[in-house]
Amino acid sequence: MTLQPPDTAPKDQAILGDFGYPWLQLATWNECDQKWAVASMEINMVGGQYNDPYWVTEQENEKDLLGWRPFPQKTTTTQQTTTKQP
């Protein structure tokens, strides 16, 4: 997978960023903190099993972005019309 150089990452839209994990992470620039706001999944153990996943927002320094890809845009599909039978 080819990633774009970190210094070309847009700061006005969501991206998929490489921050050193084995997977890309959803990220967006936080202008107030001057850091990347990154969505990370965590999971709790309930009843002796890891079965309670949830999302948290972490922050990464600008220099920690190793590369990026555009976040995929939602595609529009042709809506099919169905006729209800009486």
PDB file of N, CA and C in Angstrom:
ATOM      1  N   MET A   1       0.843  -1.158   0.000  1.00  0.00           N
ATOM      2  CA  MET A   1       0.000   0.000   0.000  1.00  0.00           C
ATOM      3  C   MET A   1       0.902   1.239   0.000  1.00  0.00           C
ATOM      4  N   THR A   2       0.648   2.127  -0.922  1.00  0.00           N
ATOM      5  CA  THR A   2       1.433   3.344  -1.033  1.00  0.00           C
ATOM      6  C   THR A   2       0.799   4.448  -0.202  1.00  0.00           C
ATOM      7  N   LEU A   3       1.611   5.062   0.634  1.00  0.00           N
ATOM      8  CA  LEU A   3       1.148   6.166   1.460  1.00  0.00           C
ATOM      9  C   LEU A   3       1.753   7.474   0.968  1.00  0.00           C
ATOM     10  N   GLN A   4       1.029   8.547   1.195  1.00  0.00           N
ATOM     11  CA  GLN A   4       1.508   9.879   0.848  1.00  0.00           C
ATOM     12  C   GLN A   4       2.477  10.359   1.934  1.00  0.00           C
ATOM     13  N   PRO A   5       3.416  11.244   1.576  1.00  0.00           N
ATOM     14  CA  PRO A   5       4.348  11.781   2.583  1.00  0.00           C
ATOM     15  C   PRO A   5       3.602  12.555   3.668  1.00  0.00           C
ATOM     16  N   PRO A   6       4.065  12.466   4.899  1.00  0.00           N
ATOM     17  CA  PRO A   6       3.355  13.102   6.007  1.00  0.00           C
ATOM     18  C   PRO A   6       3.208  14.618   5.855  1.00  0.00           C
ATOM     19  N   ASP A   7       4.174  15.283   5.254  1.00  0.00           N
ATOM     20  CA  ASP A   7       4.092  16.740   5.135  1.00  0.00           C
ATOM     21  C   ASP A   7       3.045  17.206   4.129  1.00  0.00           C
ATOM     22  N   THR A   8       2.429  16.264   3.398  1.00  0.00           N
ATOM     23  CA  THR A   8       1.371  16.630   2.448  1.00  0.00           C
ATOM     24  C   THR A   8      -0.026  16.339   2.984  1.00  0.00           C
ATOM     25  N   ALA A   9      -0.121  15.867   4.216  1.00  0.00           N
ATOM     26  CA  ALA A   9      -1.421  15.504   4.787  1.00  0.00           C
ATOM     27  C   ALA A   9      -2.309  16.738   4.928  1.00  0.00           C
ATOM     28  N   PRO A  10      -3.544  16.650   4.424  1.00  0.00           N
ATOM     29  CA  PRO A  10      -4.466  17.792   4.558  1.00  0.00           C
ATOM     30  C   PRO A  10      -4.943  17.931   5.998  1.00  0.00           C
ATOM     31  N   LYS A  11      -5.022  19.151   6.444  1.00  0.00           N
ATOM     32  CA  LYS A  11      -5.462  19.407   7.813  1.00  0.00           C
ATOM     33  C   LYS A  11      -6.897  19.921   7.864  1.00  0.00           C
ATOM     34  N   ASP A  12      -7.604  19.788   6.741  1.00  0.00           N
ATOM     35  CA  ASP A  12      -8.989  20.254   6.693  1.00  0.00           C
ATOM     36  C   ASP A  12      -9.966  19.128   6.386  1.00  0.00           C
ATOM     37  N   GLN A  13      -9.498  17.882   6.538  1.00  0.00           N
ATOM     38  CA  GLN A  13     -10.366  16.734   6.288  1.00  0.00           C
ATOM     39  C   GLN A  13      -9.807  15.510   7.002  1.00  0.00           C
ATOM     40  N   ALA A  14     -10.651  14.500   7.160  1.00  0.00           N
ATOM     41  CA  ALA A  14     -10.231  13.249   7.803  1.00  0.00           C
ATOM     42  C   ALA A  14      -9.308  12.485   6.865  1.00  0.00           C
ATOM     43  N   ILE A  15      -8.354  11.782   7.444  1.00  0.00           N
ATOM     44  CA  ILE A  15      -7.413  10.946   6.690  1.00  0.00           C
ATOM     45  C   ILE A  15      -7.285   9.595   7.382  1.00  0.00           C
ATOM     46  N   LEU A  16      -6.671   8.652   6.704  1.00  0.00           N
ATOM     47  CA  LEU A  16      -6.209   7.418   7.317  1.00  0.00           C
ATOM     48  C   LEU A  16      -4.710   7.576   7.493  1.00  0.00           C
ATOM     49  N   GLY A  17      -4.271   7.629   8.740  1.00  0.00           N
ATOM     50  CA  GLY A  17      -2.873   7.923   9.019  1.00  0.00           C
ATOM     51  C   GLY A  17      -2.106   6.743   9.570  1.00  0.00           C
ATOM     52  N   ASP A  18      -0.822   6.705   9.225  1.00  0.00           N
ATOM     53  CA  ASP A  18       0.101   5.702   9.771  1.00  0.00           C
ATOM     54  C   ASP A  18       0.835   6.357  10.933  1.00  0.00           C
ATOM     55  N   PHE A  19       0.530   5.905  12.145  1.00  0.00           N
ATOM     56  CA  PHE A  19       1.172   6.421  13.349  1.00  0.00           C
ATOM     57  C   PHE A  19       2.019   5.345  14.023  1.00  0.00           C
ATOM     58  N   GLY A  20       2.427   4.340  13.245  1.00  0.00           N
ATOM     59  CA  GLY A  20       3.318   3.306  13.759  1.00  0.00           C
ATOM     60  C   GLY A  20       2.639   2.039  14.226  1.00  0.00           C
ATOM     61  N   TYR A  21       1.312   1.993  14.148  1.00  0.00           N
ATOM     62  CA  TYR A  21       0.590   0.770  14.497  1.00  0.00           C
ATOM     63  C   TYR A  21       0.573  -0.161  13.285  1.00  0.00           C
ATOM     64  N   PRO A  22       0.194  -1.412  13.448  1.00  0.00           N
ATOM     65  CA  PRO A  22       0.120  -2.324  12.301  1.00  0.00           C
ATOM     66  C   PRO A  22      -1.054  -2.015  11.370  1.00  0.00           C
ATOM     67  N   TRP A  23      -1.867  -1.009  11.683  1.00  0.00           N
ATOM     68  CA  TRP A  23      -3.026  -0.640  10.873  1.00  0.00           C
ATOM     69  C   TRP A  23      -3.082   0.883  10.758  1.00  0.00           C
ATOM     70  N   LEU A  24      -3.805   1.358   9.756  1.00  0.00           N
ATOM     71  CA  LEU A  24      -4.031   2.796   9.617  1.00  0.00           C
ATOM     72  C   LEU A  24      -5.139   3.223  10.572  1.00  0.00           C
ATOM     73  N   GLN A  25      -5.096   4.481  10.986  1.00  0.00           N
ATOM     74  CA  GLN A  25      -6.088   5.000  11.927  1.00  0.00           C
ATOM     75  C   GLN A  25      -6.768   6.237  11.357  1.00  0.00           C
ATOM     76  N   LEU A  26      -8.062   6.364  11.639  1.00  0.00           N
ATOM     77  CA  LEU A  26      -8.799   7.552  11.264  1.00  0.00           C
ATOM     78  C   LEU A  26      -8.260   8.724  12.072  1.00  0.00           C
ATOM     79  N   ALA A  27      -7.930   9.804  11.380  1.00  0.00           N
ATOM     80  CA  ALA A  27      -7.349  10.956  12.064  1.00  0.00           C
ATOM     81  C   ALA A  27      -7.837  12.253  11.422  1.00  0.00           C
ATOM     82  N   THR A  28      -7.866  13.287  12.226  1.00  0.00           N
ATOM     83  CA  THR A  28      -8.167  14.625  11.744  1.00  0.00           C
ATOM     84  C   THR A  28      -7.329  15.601  12.561  1.00  0.00           C
ATOM     85  N   TRP A  29      -6.968  16.714  11.946  1.00  0.00           N
ATOM     86  CA  TRP A  29      -6.110  17.685  12.614  1.00  0.00           C
ATOM     87  C   TRP A  29      -6.909  18.482  13.640  1.00  0.00           C
ATOM     88  N   ASN A  30      -6.360  18.611  14.846  1.00  0.00           N
ATOM     89  CA  ASN A  30      -6.953  19.415  15.906  1.00  0.00           C
ATOM     90  C   ASN A  30      -6.200  20.744  15.946  1.00  0.00           C
ATOM     91  N   GLU A  31      -6.812  21.759  15.387  1.00  0.00           N
ATOM     92  CA  GLU A  31      -6.168  23.078  15.283  1.00  0.00           C
ATOM     93  C   GLU A  31      -5.850  23.665  16.648  1.00  0.00           C
ATOM     94  N   CYS A  32      -6.748  23.498  17.616  1.00  0.00           N
ATOM     95  CA  CYS A  32      -6.536  24.069  18.956  1.00  0.00           C
ATOM     96  C   CYS A  32      -5.300  23.497  19.634  1.00  0.00           C
ATOM     97  N   ASP A  33      -5.126  22.182  19.548  1.00  0.00           N
ATOM     98  CA  ASP A  33      -4.000  21.521  20.221  1.00  0.00           C
ATOM     99  C   ASP A  33      -2.785  21.347  19.322  1.00  0.00           C
ATOM    100  N   GLN A  34      -2.955  21.626  18.019  1.00  0.00           N
ATOM    101  CA  GLN A  34      -1.862  21.443  17.057  1.00  0.00           C
ATOM    102  C   GLN A  34      -1.332  20.001  17.078  1.00  0.00           C
ATOM    103  N   LYS A  35      -2.304  19.061  17.120  1.00  0.00           N
ATOM    104  CA  LYS A  35      -1.988  17.634  17.109  1.00  0.00           C
ATOM    105  C   LYS A  35      -3.027  16.909  16.275  1.00  0.00           C
ATOM    106  N   TRP A  36      -2.714  15.675  15.898  1.00  0.00           N
ATOM    107  CA  TRP A  36      -3.681  14.819  15.214  1.00  0.00           C
ATOM    108  C   TRP A  36      -4.601  14.187  16.248  1.00  0.00           C
ATOM    109  N   ALA A  37      -5.911  14.276  16.043  1.00  0.00           N
ATOM    110  CA  ALA A  37      -6.894  13.567  16.864  1.00  0.00           C
ATOM    111  C   ALA A  37      -7.134  12.235  16.162  1.00  0.00           C
ATOM    112  N   VAL A  38      -6.874  11.138  16.856  1.00  0.00           N
ATOM    113  CA  VAL A  38      -6.860   9.807  16.251  1.00  0.00           C
ATOM    114  C   VAL A  38      -7.882   8.904  16.947  1.00  0.00           C
ATOM    115  N   ALA A  39      -8.713   8.245  16.154  1.00  0.00           N
ATOM    116  CA  ALA A  39      -9.693   7.297  16.701  1.00  0.00           C
ATOM    117  C   ALA A  39      -8.998   5.968  16.981  1.00  0.00           C
ATOM    118  N   SER A  40      -9.142   5.493  18.206  1.00  0.00           N
ATOM    119  CA  SER A  40      -8.540   4.220  18.600  1.00  0.00           C
ATOM    120  C   SER A  40      -9.602   3.349  19.262  1.00  0.00           C
ATOM    121  N   MET A  41      -9.588   2.073  18.936  1.00  0.00           N
ATOM    122  CA  MET A  41     -10.521   1.148  19.571  1.00  0.00           C
ATOM    123  C   MET A  41      -9.843   0.500  20.775  1.00  0.00           C
ATOM    124  N   GLU A  42     -10.594   0.462  21.858  1.00  0.00           N
ATOM    125  CA  GLU A  42     -10.151  -0.233  23.063  1.00  0.00           C
ATOM    126  C   GLU A  42     -11.233  -1.228  23.436  1.00  0.00           C
ATOM    127  N   ILE A  43     -10.920  -2.110  24.374  1.00  0.00           N
ATOM    128  CA  ILE A  43     -11.896  -3.128  24.755  1.00  0.00           C
ATOM    129  C   ILE A  43     -11.755  -3.437  26.237  1.00  0.00           C
ATOM    130  N   ASN A  44     -12.866  -3.611  26.900  1.00  0.00           N
ATOM    131  CA  ASN A  44     -12.906  -3.979  28.313  1.00  0.00           C
ATOM    132  C   ASN A  44     -13.203  -5.466  28.460  1.00  0.00           C
ATOM    133  N   MET A  45     -12.772  -5.994  29.591  1.00  0.00           N
ATOM    134  CA  MET A  45     -13.114  -7.368  29.927  1.00  0.00           C
ATOM    135  C   MET A  45     -14.357  -7.340  30.814  1.00  0.00           C
ATOM    136  N   VAL A  46     -15.383  -8.077  30.411  1.00  0.00           N
ATOM    137  CA  VAL A  46     -16.606  -8.202  31.189  1.00  0.00           C
ATOM    138  C   VAL A  46     -16.897  -9.688  31.344  1.00  0.00           C
ATOM    139  N   GLY A  47     -17.079 -10.143  32.564  1.00  0.00           N
ATOM    140  CA  GLY A  47     -17.367 -11.552  32.814  1.00  0.00           C
ATOM    141  C   GLY A  47     -16.242 -12.474  32.381  1.00  0.00           C
ATOM    142  N   GLY A  48     -14.999 -11.977  32.475  1.00  0.00           N
ATOM    143  CA  GLY A  48     -13.847 -12.807  32.125  1.00  0.00           C
ATOM    144  C   GLY A  48     -13.562 -12.886  30.631  1.00  0.00           C
ATOM    145  N   GLN A  49     -14.287 -12.117  29.812  1.00  0.00           N
ATOM    146  CA  GLN A  49     -14.059 -12.125  28.365  1.00  0.00           C
ATOM    147  C   GLN A  49     -13.912 -10.697  27.870  1.00  0.00           C
ATOM    148  N   TYR A  50     -13.062 -10.524  26.861  1.00  0.00           N
ATOM    149  CA  TYR A  50     -12.941  -9.222  26.214  1.00  0.00           C
ATOM    150  C   TYR A  50     -14.094  -9.098  25.224  1.00  0.00           C
ATOM    151  N   ASN A  51     -15.154  -8.422  25.633  1.00  0.00           N
ATOM    152  CA  ASN A  51     -16.356  -8.364  24.814  1.00  0.00           C
ATOM    153  C   ASN A  51     -17.043  -7.000  24.853  1.00  0.00           C
ATOM    154  N   ASP A  52     -16.326  -5.966  25.281  1.00  0.00           N
ATOM    155  CA  ASP A  52     -16.925  -4.642  25.424  1.00  0.00           C
ATOM    156  C   ASP A  52     -16.064  -3.605  24.698  1.00  0.00           C
ATOM    157  N   PRO A  53     -16.118  -3.579  23.349  1.00  0.00           N
ATOM    158  CA  PRO A  53     -15.291  -2.622  22.601  1.00  0.00           C
ATOM    159  C   PRO A  53     -15.888  -1.211  22.621  1.00  0.00           C
ATOM    160  N   TYR A  54     -15.021  -0.234  22.532  1.00  0.00           N
ATOM    161  CA  TYR A  54     -15.454   1.165  22.463  1.00  0.00           C
ATOM    162  C   TYR A  54     -14.352   1.997  21.794  1.00  0.00           C
ATOM    163  N   TRP A  55     -14.720   3.178  21.336  1.00  0.00           N
ATOM    164  CA  TRP A  55     -13.792   4.084  20.659  1.00  0.00           C
ATOM    165  C   TRP A  55     -13.349   5.183  21.614  1.00  0.00           C
ATOM    166  N   VAL A  56     -12.087   5.556  21.526  1.00  0.00           N
ATOM    167  CA  VAL A  56     -11.545   6.700  22.253  1.00  0.00           C
ATOM    168  C   VAL A  56     -10.781   7.576  21.269  1.00  0.00           C
ATOM    169  N   THR A  57     -10.579   8.812  21.645  1.00  0.00           N
ATOM    170  CA  THR A  57      -9.768   9.717  20.831  1.00  0.00           C
ATOM    171  C   THR A  57      -8.439   9.930  21.533  1.00  0.00           C
ATOM    172  N   GLU A  58      -7.384   9.619  20.821  1.00  0.00           N
ATOM    173  CA  GLU A  58      -6.024   9.866  21.307  1.00  0.00           C
ATOM    174  C   GLU A  58      -5.466  11.034  20.509  1.00  0.00           C
ATOM    175  N   GLN A  59      -4.370  11.609  20.975  1.00  0.00           N
ATOM    176  CA  GLN A  59      -3.710  12.659  20.210  1.00  0.00           C
ATOM    177  C   GLN A  59      -2.300  12.223  19.866  1.00  0.00           C
ATOM    178  N   GLU A  60      -1.897  12.549  18.657  1.00  0.00           N
ATOM    179  CA  GLU A  60      -0.546  12.240  18.182  1.00  0.00           C
ATOM    180  C   GLU A  60       0.108  13.542  17.732  1.00  0.00           C
ATOM    181  N   ASN A  61       1.387  13.678  18.008  1.00  0.00           N
ATOM    182  CA  ASN A  61       2.126  14.853  17.556  1.00  0.00           C
ATOM    183  C   ASN A  61       2.229  14.859  16.037  1.00  0.00           C
ATOM    184  N   GLU A  62       2.374  16.038  15.476  1.00  0.00           N
ATOM    185  CA  GLU A  62       2.465  16.171  14.025  1.00  0.00           C
ATOM    186  C   GLU A  62       3.604  15.331  13.467  1.00  0.00           C
ATOM    187  N   LYS A  63       4.729  15.287  14.166  1.00  0.00           N
ATOM    188  CA  LYS A  63       5.904  14.543  13.687  1.00  0.00           C
ATOM    189  C   LYS A  63       5.704  13.027  13.731  1.00  0.00           C
ATOM    190  N   ASP A  64       4.671  12.554  14.460  1.00  0.00           N
ATOM    191  CA  ASP A  64       4.432  11.111  14.585  1.00  0.00           C
ATOM    192  C   ASP A  64       3.697  10.518  13.388  1.00  0.00           C
ATOM    193  N   LEU A  65       3.157  11.363  12.503  1.00  0.00           N
ATOM    194  CA  LEU A  65       2.504  10.866  11.301  1.00  0.00           C
ATOM    195  C   LEU A  65       3.579  10.406  10.322  1.00  0.00           C
ATOM    196  N   LEU A  66       3.553   9.114   9.969  1.00  0.00           N
ATOM    197  CA  LEU A  66       4.568   8.535   9.083  1.00  0.00           C
ATOM    198  C   LEU A  66       4.149   8.558   7.615  1.00  0.00           C
ATOM    199  N   GLY A  67       2.850   8.606   7.367  1.00  0.00           N
ATOM    200  CA  GLY A  67       2.297   8.620   6.019  1.00  0.00           C
ATOM    201  C   GLY A  67       0.787   8.642   6.130  1.00  0.00           C
ATOM    202  N   TRP A  68       0.115   8.818   4.993  1.00  0.00           N
ATOM    203  CA  TRP A  68      -1.342   8.912   5.049  1.00  0.00           C
ATOM    204  C   TRP A  68      -1.956   8.528   3.720  1.00  0.00           C
ATOM    205  N   ARG A  69      -3.260   8.239   3.771  1.00  0.00           N
ATOM    206  CA  ARG A  69      -4.104   7.979   2.596  1.00  0.00           C
ATOM    207  C   ARG A  69      -5.380   8.775   2.778  1.00  0.00           C
ATOM    208  N   PRO A  70      -6.021   9.151   1.677  1.00  0.00           N
ATOM    209  CA  PRO A  70      -7.320   9.826   1.823  1.00  0.00           C
ATOM    210  C   PRO A  70      -8.331   8.887   2.471  1.00  0.00           C
ATOM    211  N   PHE A  71      -9.203   9.450   3.278  1.00  0.00           N
ATOM    212  CA  PHE A  71     -10.288   8.674   3.857  1.00  0.00           C
ATOM    213  C   PHE A  71     -11.297   8.428   2.749  1.00  0.00           C
ATOM    214  N   PRO A  72     -11.733   7.193   2.550  1.00  0.00           N
ATOM    215  CA  PRO A  72     -12.667   6.902   1.461  1.00  0.00           C
ATOM    216  C   PRO A  72     -13.967   7.694   1.607  1.00  0.00           C
ATOM    217  N   GLN A  73     -14.428   8.219   0.516  1.00  0.00           N
ATOM    218  CA  GLN A  73     -15.688   8.947   0.505  1.00  0.00           C
ATOM    219  C   GLN A  73     -16.838   7.968   0.332  1.00  0.00           C
ATOM    220  N   LYS A  74     -17.965   8.307   0.885  1.00  0.00           N
ATOM    221  CA  LYS A  74     -19.166   7.497   0.727  1.00  0.00           C
ATOM    222  C   LYS A  74     -19.582   7.533  -0.738  1.00  0.00           C
ATOM    223  N   THR A  75     -19.865   6.369  -1.275  1.00  0.00           N
ATOM    224  CA  THR A  75     -20.310   6.317  -2.660  1.00  0.00           C
ATOM    225  C   THR A  75     -21.828   6.316  -2.698  1.00  0.00           C
ATOM    226  N   THR A  76     -22.362   6.918  -3.722  1.00  0.00           N
ATOM    227  CA  THR A  76     -23.803   6.976  -3.886  1.00  0.00           C
ATOM    228  C   THR A  76     -24.230   5.823  -4.768  1.00  0.00           C
ATOM    229  N   THR A  77     -25.224   5.106  -4.328  1.00  0.00           N
ATOM    230  CA  THR A  77     -25.761   4.014  -5.133  1.00  0.00           C
ATOM    231  C   THR A  77     -27.108   4.424  -5.679  1.00  0.00           C
ATOM    232  N   THR A  78     -27.469   3.831  -6.773  1.00  0.00           N
ATOM    233  CA  THR A  78     -28.773   4.110  -7.357  1.00  0.00           C
ATOM    234  C   THR A  78     -29.836   3.466  -6.483  1.00  0.00           C
ATOM    235  N   GLN A  79     -30.771   4.272  -6.052  1.00  0.00           N
ATOM    236  CA  GLN A  79     -31.831   3.761  -5.183  1.00  0.00           C
ATOM    237  C   GLN A  79     -32.873   3.052  -6.040  1.00  0.00           C
ATOM    238  N   GLN A  80     -33.197   1.857  -5.639  1.00  0.00           N
ATOM    239  CA  GLN A  80     -34.199   1.091  -6.384  1.00  0.00           C
ATOM    240  C   GLN A  80     -35.576   1.364  -5.786  1.00  0.00           C
ATOM    241  N   THR A  81     -36.532   1.530  -6.670  1.00  0.00           N
ATOM    242  CA  THR A  81     -37.908   1.750  -6.242  1.00  0.00           C
ATOM    243  C   THR A  81     -38.626   0.433  -6.213  1.00  0.00           C
ATOM    244  N   THR A  82     -39.291   0.162  -5.120  1.00  0.00           N
ATOM    245  CA  THR A  82     -40.064  -1.069  -5.031  1.00  0.00           C
ATOM    246  C   THR A  82     -41.531  -0.741  -4.936  1.00  0.00           C
ATOM    247  N   THR A  83     -42.319  -1.575  -5.497  1.00  0.00           N
ATOM    248  CA  THR A  83     -43.774  -1.395  -5.460  1.00  0.00           C
ATOM    249  C   THR A  83     -44.338  -2.363  -4.468  1.00  0.00           C
ATOM    250  N   LYS A  84     -45.118  -1.851  -3.532  1.00  0.00           N
ATOM    251  CA  LYS A  84     -45.750  -2.733  -2.547  1.00  0.00           C
ATOM    252  C   LYS A  84     -46.915  -3.472  -3.213  1.00  0.00           C
ATOM    253  N   GLN A  85     -47.008  -4.729  -2.897  1.00  0.00           N
ATOM    254  CA  GLN A  85     -48.102  -5.536  -3.406  1.00  0.00           C
ATOM    255  C   GLN A  85     -49.288  -5.428  -2.442  1.00  0.00           C
ATOM    256  N   PRO A  86     -50.530  -5.276  -2.988  1.00  0.00           N
ATOM    257  CA  PRO A  86     -51.693  -5.158  -2.092  1.00  0.00           C
ATOM    258  C   PRO A  86     -51.956  -6.439  -1.327  1.00  0.00           C
TER     259      PRO A  86
END
